[in-house]
Amino acid sequence: MEDRKRPCRRELLNWINVVSFAADDTKLFLDTHPYNQEALQCFDALKKQRADSLREYARYYGPLTLDTAASGADCWRWINDPWPWQEGGC
């Protein structure tokens, strides 16, 4: 049942790239408009979406960043899976 909920690896990685780009772009806007409330709210929402997506990716495919790396006995499991830039797909 858990595998039915498994997101497509390629689509999830693409979404992480999209939301990361949007967050970075918003952050650049905030460099020159630090008090823009709409931009601040947008940045907070994008940052949360990115963090949630990174956690979901790590859950199914292994960590992409240090923030989502596991600790303990299972911490090196991801080394056996294909790397994000290798062929994989869904």
PDB file of N, CA and C in Angstrom:
ATOM      1  N   MET A   1       0.822  -1.188   0.000  1.00  0.00           N
ATOM      2  CA  MET A   1       0.000   0.000   0.000  1.00  0.00           C
ATOM      3  C   MET A   1       0.869   1.255   0.000  1.00  0.00           C
ATOM      4  N   GLU A   2       1.987   1.212   0.726  1.00  0.00           N
ATOM      5  CA  GLU A   2       2.876   2.368   0.800  1.00  0.00           C
ATOM      6  C   GLU A   2       3.445   2.733  -0.571  1.00  0.00           C
ATOM      7  N   ASP A   3       3.761   1.740  -1.409  1.00  0.00           N
ATOM      8  CA  ASP A   3       4.307   2.017  -2.730  1.00  0.00           C
ATOM      9  C   ASP A   3       3.313   2.717  -3.644  1.00  0.00           C
ATOM     10  N   ARG A   4       2.013   2.522  -3.409  1.00  0.00           N
ATOM     11  CA  ARG A   4       1.004   3.200  -4.228  1.00  0.00           C
ATOM     12  C   ARG A   4       1.042   4.706  -4.008  1.00  0.00           C
ATOM     13  N   LYS A   5       1.429   5.118  -2.814  1.00  0.00           N
ATOM     14  CA  LYS A   5       1.513   6.534  -2.494  1.00  0.00           C
ATOM     15  C   LYS A   5       2.859   7.137  -2.891  1.00  0.00           C
ATOM     16  N   ARG A   6       3.792   6.303  -3.296  1.00  0.00           N
ATOM     17  CA  ARG A   6       5.137   6.759  -3.646  1.00  0.00           C
ATOM     18  C   ARG A   6       5.069   7.702  -4.842  1.00  0.00           C
ATOM     19  N   PRO A   7       5.596   8.908  -4.680  1.00  0.00           N
ATOM     20  CA  PRO A   7       5.576   9.859  -5.792  1.00  0.00           C
ATOM     21  C   PRO A   7       6.615   9.492  -6.846  1.00  0.00           C
ATOM     22  N   CYS A   8       6.386   9.939  -8.047  1.00  0.00           N
ATOM     23  CA  CYS A   8       7.347   9.731  -9.122  1.00  0.00           C
ATOM     24  C   CYS A   8       8.631  10.482  -8.768  1.00  0.00           C
ATOM     25  N   ARG A   9       9.726   9.782  -8.768  1.00  0.00           N
ATOM     26  CA  ARG A   9      11.016  10.373  -8.384  1.00  0.00           C
ATOM     27  C   ARG A   9      11.352  11.584  -9.243  1.00  0.00           C
ATOM     28  N   ARG A  10      11.228  11.426 -10.537  1.00  0.00           N
ATOM     29  CA  ARG A  10      11.596  12.506 -11.461  1.00  0.00           C
ATOM     30  C   ARG A  10      10.690  13.726 -11.270  1.00  0.00           C
ATOM     31  N   GLU A  11       9.397  13.493 -11.111  1.00  0.00           N
ATOM     32  CA  GLU A  11       8.466  14.609 -10.917  1.00  0.00           C
ATOM     33  C   GLU A  11       8.713  15.319  -9.596  1.00  0.00           C
ATOM     34  N   LEU A  12       9.007  14.572  -8.549  1.00  0.00           N
ATOM     35  CA  LEU A  12       9.276  15.182  -7.249  1.00  0.00           C
ATOM     36  C   LEU A  12      10.572  15.983  -7.292  1.00  0.00           C
ATOM     37  N   LEU A  13      11.592  15.454  -7.935  1.00  0.00           N
ATOM     38  CA  LEU A  13      12.850  16.181  -8.069  1.00  0.00           C
ATOM     39  C   LEU A  13      12.652  17.452  -8.886  1.00  0.00           C
ATOM     40  N   ASN A  14      11.847  17.368  -9.930  1.00  0.00           N
ATOM     41  CA  ASN A  14      11.545  18.544 -10.732  1.00  0.00           C
ATOM     42  C   ASN A  14      10.811  19.591  -9.885  1.00  0.00           C
ATOM     43  N   TRP A  15       9.848  19.155  -9.073  1.00  0.00           N
ATOM     44  CA  TRP A  15       9.121  20.085  -8.208  1.00  0.00           C
ATOM     45  C   TRP A  15      10.067  20.756  -7.211  1.00  0.00           C
ATOM     46  N   ILE A  16      10.994  20.006  -6.653  1.00  0.00           N
ATOM     47  CA  ILE A  16      11.971  20.581  -5.723  1.00  0.00           C
ATOM     48  C   ILE A  16      12.783  21.659  -6.426  1.00  0.00           C
ATOM     49  N   ASN A  17      13.169  21.414  -7.656  1.00  0.00           N
ATOM     50  CA  ASN A  17      13.905  22.428  -8.419  1.00  0.00           C
ATOM     51  C   ASN A  17      13.058  23.667  -8.674  1.00  0.00           C
ATOM     52  N   VAL A  18      11.795  23.470  -9.006  1.00  0.00           N
ATOM     53  CA  VAL A  18      10.890  24.603  -9.275  1.00  0.00           C
ATOM     54  C   VAL A  18      10.702  25.445  -8.026  1.00  0.00           C
ATOM     55  N   VAL A  19      10.357  24.804  -6.928  1.00  0.00           N
ATOM     56  CA  VAL A  19      10.075  25.551  -5.699  1.00  0.00           C
ATOM     57  C   VAL A  19      11.358  26.169  -5.137  1.00  0.00           C
ATOM     58  N   SER A  20      12.497  25.532  -5.331  1.00  0.00           N
ATOM     59  CA  SER A  20      13.776  26.104  -4.893  1.00  0.00           C
ATOM     60  C   SER A  20      14.109  27.357  -5.690  1.00  0.00           C
ATOM     61  N   PHE A  21      13.899  27.303  -6.992  1.00  0.00           N
ATOM     62  CA  PHE A  21      14.142  28.471  -7.840  1.00  0.00           C
ATOM     63  C   PHE A  21      13.235  29.630  -7.429  1.00  0.00           C
ATOM     64  N   ALA A  22      11.950  29.331  -7.211  1.00  0.00           N
ATOM     65  CA  ALA A  22      10.999  30.373  -6.824  1.00  0.00           C
ATOM     66  C   ALA A  22      11.381  30.983  -5.475  1.00  0.00           C
ATOM     67  N   ALA A  23      11.811  30.157  -4.528  1.00  0.00           N
ATOM     68  CA  ALA A  23      12.224  30.671  -3.220  1.00  0.00           C
ATOM     69  C   ALA A  23      13.463  31.547  -3.352  1.00  0.00           C
ATOM     70  N   ASP A  24      14.435  31.112  -4.152  1.00  0.00           N
ATOM     71  CA  ASP A  24      15.640  31.921  -4.365  1.00  0.00           C
ATOM     72  C   ASP A  24      15.308  33.245  -5.049  1.00  0.00           C
ATOM     73  N   ASP A  25      14.440  33.202  -6.027  1.00  0.00           N
ATOM     74  CA  ASP A  25      14.046  34.418  -6.734  1.00  0.00           C
ATOM     75  C   ASP A  25      13.325  35.386  -5.791  1.00  0.00           C
ATOM     76  N   THR A  26      12.453  34.858  -4.958  1.00  0.00           N
ATOM     77  CA  THR A  26      11.744  35.688  -3.989  1.00  0.00           C
ATOM     78  C   THR A  26      12.719  36.277  -2.976  1.00  0.00           C
ATOM     79  N   LYS A  27      13.697  35.475  -2.571  1.00  0.00           N
ATOM     80  CA  LYS A  27      14.723  35.954  -1.637  1.00  0.00           C
ATOM     81  C   LYS A  27      15.502  37.121  -2.243  1.00  0.00           C
ATOM     82  N   LEU A  28      15.815  37.035  -3.521  1.00  0.00           N
ATOM     83  CA  LEU A  28      16.510  38.139  -4.198  1.00  0.00           C
ATOM     84  C   LEU A  28      15.645  39.400  -4.223  1.00  0.00           C
ATOM     85  N   PHE A  29      14.354  39.240  -4.464  1.00  0.00           N
ATOM     86  CA  PHE A  29      13.433  40.377  -4.438  1.00  0.00           C
ATOM     87  C   PHE A  29      13.425  41.004  -3.051  1.00  0.00           C
ATOM     88  N   LEU A  30      13.438  40.167  -2.020  1.00  0.00           N
ATOM     89  CA  LEU A  30      13.415  40.674  -0.654  1.00  0.00           C
ATOM     90  C   LEU A  30      14.703  41.402  -0.273  1.00  0.00           C
ATOM     91  N   ASP A  31      15.781  41.142  -0.988  1.00  0.00           N
ATOM     92  CA  ASP A  31      17.017  41.896  -0.742  1.00  0.00           C
ATOM     93  C   ASP A  31      16.816  43.390  -0.986  1.00  0.00           C
ATOM     94  N   THR A  32      15.966  43.723  -1.937  1.00  0.00           N
ATOM     95  CA  THR A  32      15.734  45.136  -2.269  1.00  0.00           C
ATOM     96  C   THR A  32      14.390  45.642  -1.761  1.00  0.00           C
ATOM     97  N   HIS A  33      13.533  44.740  -1.295  1.00  0.00           N
ATOM     98  CA  HIS A  33      12.213  45.104  -0.774  1.00  0.00           C
ATOM     99  C   HIS A  33      11.956  44.339   0.534  1.00  0.00           C
ATOM    100  N   PRO A  34      12.766  44.576   1.557  1.00  0.00           N
ATOM    101  CA  PRO A  34      12.715  43.739   2.755  1.00  0.00           C
ATOM    102  C   PRO A  34      11.431  43.841   3.570  1.00  0.00           C
ATOM    103  N   TYR A  35      10.623  44.859   3.340  1.00  0.00           N
ATOM    104  CA  TYR A  35       9.396  45.030   4.132  1.00  0.00           C
ATOM    105  C   TYR A  35       8.131  44.714   3.349  1.00  0.00           C
ATOM    106  N   ASN A  36       8.285  44.127   2.175  1.00  0.00           N
ATOM    107  CA  ASN A  36       7.133  43.788   1.348  1.00  0.00           C
ATOM    108  C   ASN A  36       6.449  42.556   1.958  1.00  0.00           C
ATOM    109  N   GLN A  37       5.292  42.775   2.559  1.00  0.00           N
ATOM    110  CA  GLN A  37       4.597  41.709   3.284  1.00  0.00           C
ATOM    111  C   GLN A  37       4.160  40.564   2.371  1.00  0.00           C
ATOM    112  N   GLU A  38       3.722  40.895   1.181  1.00  0.00           N
ATOM    113  CA  GLU A  38       3.292  39.848   0.240  1.00  0.00           C
ATOM    114  C   GLU A  38       4.476  38.953  -0.133  1.00  0.00           C
ATOM    115  N   ALA A  39       5.612  39.559  -0.371  1.00  0.00           N
ATOM    116  CA  ALA A  39       6.807  38.780  -0.718  1.00  0.00           C
ATOM    117  C   ALA A  39       7.279  37.945   0.467  1.00  0.00           C
ATOM    118  N   LEU A  40       7.205  38.503   1.675  1.00  0.00           N
ATOM    119  CA  LEU A  40       7.596  37.748   2.867  1.00  0.00           C
ATOM    120  C   LEU A  40       6.707  36.525   3.067  1.00  0.00           C
ATOM    121  N   GLN A  41       5.402  36.707   2.872  1.00  0.00           N
ATOM    122  CA  GLN A  41       4.473  35.574   3.007  1.00  0.00           C
ATOM    123  C   GLN A  41       4.733  34.532   1.921  1.00  0.00           C
ATOM    124  N   CYS A  42       4.982  34.996   0.717  1.00  0.00           N
ATOM    125  CA  CYS A  42       5.283  34.087  -0.398  1.00  0.00           C
ATOM    126  C   CYS A  42       6.559  33.298  -0.103  1.00  0.00           C
ATOM    127  N   PHE A  43       7.583  33.992   0.388  1.00  0.00           N
ATOM    128  CA  PHE A  43       8.845  33.330   0.699  1.00  0.00           C
ATOM    129  C   PHE A  43       8.653  32.266   1.781  1.00  0.00           C
ATOM    130  N   ASP A  44       7.904  32.596   2.834  1.00  0.00           N
ATOM    131  CA  ASP A  44       7.649  31.622   3.895  1.00  0.00           C
ATOM    132  C   ASP A  44       6.915  30.386   3.365  1.00  0.00           C
ATOM    133  N   ALA A  45       5.931  30.605   2.492  1.00  0.00           N
ATOM    134  CA  ALA A  45       5.183  29.478   1.914  1.00  0.00           C
ATOM    135  C   ALA A  45       6.086  28.620   1.029  1.00  0.00           C
ATOM    136  N   LEU A  46       6.915  29.263   0.212  1.00  0.00           N
ATOM    137  CA  LEU A  46       7.823  28.519  -0.664  1.00  0.00           C
ATOM    138  C   LEU A  46       8.862  27.747   0.142  1.00  0.00           C
ATOM    139  N   LYS A  47       9.365  28.362   1.190  1.00  0.00           N
ATOM    140  CA  LYS A  47      10.350  27.708   2.042  1.00  0.00           C
ATOM    141  C   LYS A  47       9.747  26.451   2.680  1.00  0.00           C
ATOM    142  N   LYS A  48       8.501  26.537   3.120  1.00  0.00           N
ATOM    143  CA  LYS A  48       7.820  25.379   3.706  1.00  0.00           C
ATOM    144  C   LYS A  48       7.585  24.294   2.660  1.00  0.00           C
ATOM    145  N   GLN A  49       7.135  24.690   1.463  1.00  0.00           N
ATOM    146  CA  GLN A  49       6.911  23.709   0.388  1.00  0.00           C
ATOM    147  C   GLN A  49       8.209  22.996   0.035  1.00  0.00           C
ATOM    148  N   ARG A  50       9.305  23.737  -0.010  1.00  0.00           N
ATOM    149  CA  ARG A  50      10.603  23.147  -0.336  1.00  0.00           C
ATOM    150  C   ARG A  50      11.025  22.150   0.741  1.00  0.00           C
ATOM    151  N   ALA A  51      10.907  22.549   1.999  1.00  0.00           N
ATOM    152  CA  ALA A  51      11.294  21.671   3.105  1.00  0.00           C
ATOM    153  C   ALA A  51      10.430  20.406   3.118  1.00  0.00           C
ATOM    154  N   ASP A  52       9.133  20.559   2.913  1.00  0.00           N
ATOM    155  CA  ASP A  52       8.231  19.398   2.880  1.00  0.00           C
ATOM    156  C   ASP A  52       8.596  18.464   1.726  1.00  0.00           C
ATOM    157  N   SER A  53       8.886  19.039   0.572  1.00  0.00           N
ATOM    158  CA  SER A  53       9.232  18.235  -0.604  1.00  0.00           C
ATOM    159  C   SER A  53      10.562  17.515  -0.407  1.00  0.00           C
ATOM    160  N   LEU A  54      11.531  18.184   0.202  1.00  0.00           N
ATOM    161  CA  LEU A  54      12.817  17.537   0.478  1.00  0.00           C
ATOM    162  C   LEU A  54      12.651  16.378   1.460  1.00  0.00           C
ATOM    163  N   ARG A  55      11.807  16.558   2.472  1.00  0.00           N
ATOM    164  CA  ARG A  55      11.541  15.471   3.419  1.00  0.00           C
ATOM    165  C   ARG A  55      10.845  14.299   2.727  1.00  0.00           C
ATOM    166  N   GLU A  56       9.888  14.609   1.845  1.00  0.00           N
ATOM    167  CA  GLU A  56       9.195  13.538   1.122  1.00  0.00           C
ATOM    168  C   GLU A  56      10.162  12.790   0.220  1.00  0.00           C
ATOM    169  N   TYR A  57      11.018  13.519  -0.484  1.00  0.00           N
ATOM    170  CA  TYR A  57      12.004  12.866  -1.346  1.00  0.00           C
ATOM    171  C   TYR A  57      12.912  11.954  -0.512  1.00  0.00           C
ATOM    172  N   ALA A  58      13.390  12.473   0.619  1.00  0.00           N
ATOM    173  CA  ALA A  58      14.280  11.683   1.476  1.00  0.00           C
ATOM    174  C   ALA A  58      13.587  10.432   1.995  1.00  0.00           C
ATOM    175  N   ARG A  59      12.316  10.536   2.275  1.00  0.00           N
ATOM    176  CA  ARG A  59      11.556   9.391   2.788  1.00  0.00           C
ATOM    177  C   ARG A  59      11.546   8.226   1.802  1.00  0.00           C
ATOM    178  N   TYR A  60      11.395   8.544   0.525  1.00  0.00           N
ATOM    179  CA  TYR A  60      11.275   7.487  -0.490  1.00  0.00           C
ATOM    180  C   TYR A  60      12.580   7.173  -1.216  1.00  0.00           C
ATOM    181  N   TYR A  61      13.440   8.187  -1.396  1.00  0.00           N
ATOM    182  CA  TYR A  61      14.591   7.995  -2.280  1.00  0.00           C
ATOM    183  C   TYR A  61      15.940   8.321  -1.655  1.00  0.00           C
ATOM    184  N   GLY A  62      15.950   8.811  -0.432  1.00  0.00           N
ATOM    185  CA  GLY A  62      17.201   9.181   0.213  1.00  0.00           C
ATOM    186  C   GLY A  62      17.379  10.692   0.220  1.00  0.00           C
ATOM    187  N   PRO A  63      18.279  11.178   1.062  1.00  0.00           N
ATOM    188  CA  PRO A  63      18.419  12.625   1.246  1.00  0.00           C
ATOM    189  C   PRO A  63      19.082  13.313   0.060  1.00  0.00           C
ATOM    190  N   LEU A  64      18.622  14.536  -0.206  1.00  0.00           N
ATOM    191  CA  LEU A  64      19.269  15.397  -1.195  1.00  0.00           C
ATOM    192  C   LEU A  64      20.151  16.437  -0.519  1.00  0.00           C
ATOM    193  N   THR A  65      19.825  16.733   0.726  1.00  0.00           N
ATOM    194  CA  THR A  65      20.575  17.734   1.479  1.00  0.00           C
ATOM    195  C   THR A  65      20.921  17.168   2.844  1.00  0.00           C
ATOM    196  N   LEU A  66      21.845  17.825   3.508  1.00  0.00           N
ATOM    197  CA  LEU A  66      22.241  17.424   4.849  1.00  0.00           C
ATOM    198  C   LEU A  66      21.065  17.511   5.813  1.00  0.00           C
ATOM    199  N   ASP A  67      20.173  18.469   5.578  1.00  0.00           N
ATOM    200  CA  ASP A  67      19.024  18.665   6.460  1.00  0.00           C
ATOM    201  C   ASP A  67      18.091  17.466   6.494  1.00  0.00           C
ATOM    202  N   THR A  68      18.075  16.676   5.446  1.00  0.00           N
ATOM    203  CA  THR A  68      17.151  15.543   5.388  1.00  0.00           C
ATOM    204  C   THR A  68      17.859  14.198   5.554  1.00  0.00           C
ATOM    205  N   ALA A  69      19.139  14.231   5.875  1.00  0.00           N
ATOM    206  CA  ALA A  69      19.881  12.980   6.089  1.00  0.00           C
ATOM    207  C   ALA A  69      19.486  12.367   7.426  1.00  0.00           C
ATOM    208  N   ALA A  70      19.272  11.080   7.423  1.00  0.00           N
ATOM    209  CA  ALA A  70      18.892  10.361   8.643  1.00  0.00           C
ATOM    210  C   ALA A  70      20.126  10.091   9.496  1.00  0.00           C
ATOM    211  N   SER A  71      19.891   9.767  10.734  1.00  0.00           N
ATOM    212  CA  SER A  71      20.977   9.344  11.604  1.00  0.00           C
ATOM    213  C   SER A  71      20.639   7.964  12.150  1.00  0.00           C
ATOM    214  N   GLY A  72      21.607   7.314  12.711  1.00  0.00           N
ATOM    215  CA  GLY A  72      21.377   5.990  13.274  1.00  0.00           C
ATOM    216  C   GLY A  72      21.793   4.883  12.326  1.00  0.00           C
ATOM    217  N   ALA A  73      21.270   3.697  12.577  1.00  0.00           N
ATOM    218  CA  ALA A  73      21.677   2.504  11.828  1.00  0.00           C
ATOM    219  C   ALA A  73      21.318   2.574  10.351  1.00  0.00           C
ATOM    220  N   ASP A  74      20.271   3.303  10.015  1.00  0.00           N
ATOM    221  CA  ASP A  74      19.791   3.358   8.632  1.00  0.00           C
ATOM    222  C   ASP A  74      20.355   4.564   7.858  1.00  0.00           C
ATOM    223  N   CYS A  75      21.323   5.258   8.430  1.00  0.00           N
ATOM    224  CA  CYS A  75      21.748   6.535   7.857  1.00  0.00           C
ATOM    225  C   CYS A  75      22.464   6.417   6.517  1.00  0.00           C
ATOM    226  N   TRP A  76      23.035   5.268   6.180  1.00  0.00           N
ATOM    227  CA  TRP A  76      23.767   5.144   4.913  1.00  0.00           C
ATOM    228  C   TRP A  76      23.000   4.356   3.864  1.00  0.00           C
ATOM    229  N   ARG A  77      21.727   4.086   4.111  1.00  0.00           N
ATOM    230  CA  ARG A  77      20.899   3.326   3.175  1.00  0.00           C
ATOM    231  C   ARG A  77      20.857   3.976   1.794  1.00  0.00           C
ATOM    232  N   TRP A  78      20.831   5.284   1.737  1.00  0.00           N
ATOM    233  CA  TRP A  78      20.702   6.019   0.485  1.00  0.00           C
ATOM    234  C   TRP A  78      21.861   5.789  -0.472  1.00  0.00           C
ATOM    235  N   ILE A  79      23.009   5.353   0.028  1.00  0.00           N
ATOM    236  CA  ILE A  79      24.182   5.159  -0.829  1.00  0.00           C
ATOM    237  C   ILE A  79      23.955   4.038  -1.848  1.00  0.00           C
ATOM    238  N   ASN A  80      23.015   3.132  -1.574  1.00  0.00           N
ATOM    239  CA  ASN A  80      22.739   2.008  -2.463  1.00  0.00           C
ATOM    240  C   ASN A  80      21.748   2.336  -3.568  1.00  0.00           C
ATOM    241  N   ASP A  81      21.046   3.452  -3.440  1.00  0.00           N
ATOM    242  CA  ASP A  81      20.044   3.849  -4.435  1.00  0.00           C
ATOM    243  C   ASP A  81      20.697   4.679  -5.536  1.00  0.00           C
ATOM    244  N   PRO A  82      20.039   4.795  -6.695  1.00  0.00           N
ATOM    245  CA  PRO A  82      20.579   5.657  -7.745  1.00  0.00           C
ATOM    246  C   PRO A  82      20.652   7.113  -7.259  1.00  0.00           C
ATOM    247  N   TRP A  83      21.677   7.822  -7.682  1.00  0.00           N
ATOM    248  CA  TRP A  83      21.823   9.229  -7.349  1.00  0.00           C
ATOM    249  C   TRP A  83      20.814  10.032  -8.174  1.00  0.00           C
ATOM    250  N   PRO A  84      20.438  11.216  -7.702  1.00  0.00           N
ATOM    251  CA  PRO A  84      19.414  11.998  -8.392  1.00  0.00           C
ATOM    252  C   PRO A  84      19.730  12.292  -9.858  1.00  0.00           C
ATOM    253  N   TRP A  85      20.994  12.392 -10.222  1.00  0.00           N
ATOM    254  CA  TRP A  85      21.352  12.704 -11.607  1.00  0.00           C
ATOM    255  C   TRP A  85      21.490  11.452 -12.475  1.00  0.00           C
ATOM    256  N   GLN A  86      21.371  10.277 -11.887  1.00  0.00           N
ATOM    257  CA  GLN A  86      21.418   9.040 -12.656  1.00  0.00           C
ATOM    258  C   GLN A  86      20.029   8.697 -13.166  1.00  0.00           C
ATOM    259  N   GLU A  87      19.980   7.830 -14.151  1.00  0.00           N
ATOM    260  CA  GLU A  87      18.689   7.392 -14.667  1.00  0.00           C
ATOM    261  C   GLU A  87      17.910   6.712 -13.559  1.00  0.00           C
ATOM    262  N   GLY A  88      16.638   6.908 -13.537  1.00  0.00           N
ATOM    263  CA  GLY A  88      15.826   6.298 -12.495  1.00  0.00           C
ATOM    264  C   GLY A  88      14.380   6.302 -12.887  1.00  0.00           C
ATOM    265  N   GLY A  89      13.825   7.489 -12.962  1.00  0.00           N
ATOM    266  CA  GLY A  89      12.414   7.588 -13.319  1.00  0.00           C
ATOM    267  C   GLY A  89      11.532   7.252 -12.141  1.00  0.00           C
ATOM    268  N   CYS A  90      10.356   6.740 -12.442  1.00  0.00           N
ATOM    269  CA  CYS A  90       9.350   6.496 -11.408  1.00  0.00           C
ATOM    270  C   CYS A  90       9.505   5.112 -10.803  1.00  0.00           C
TER     271      CYS A  90
END
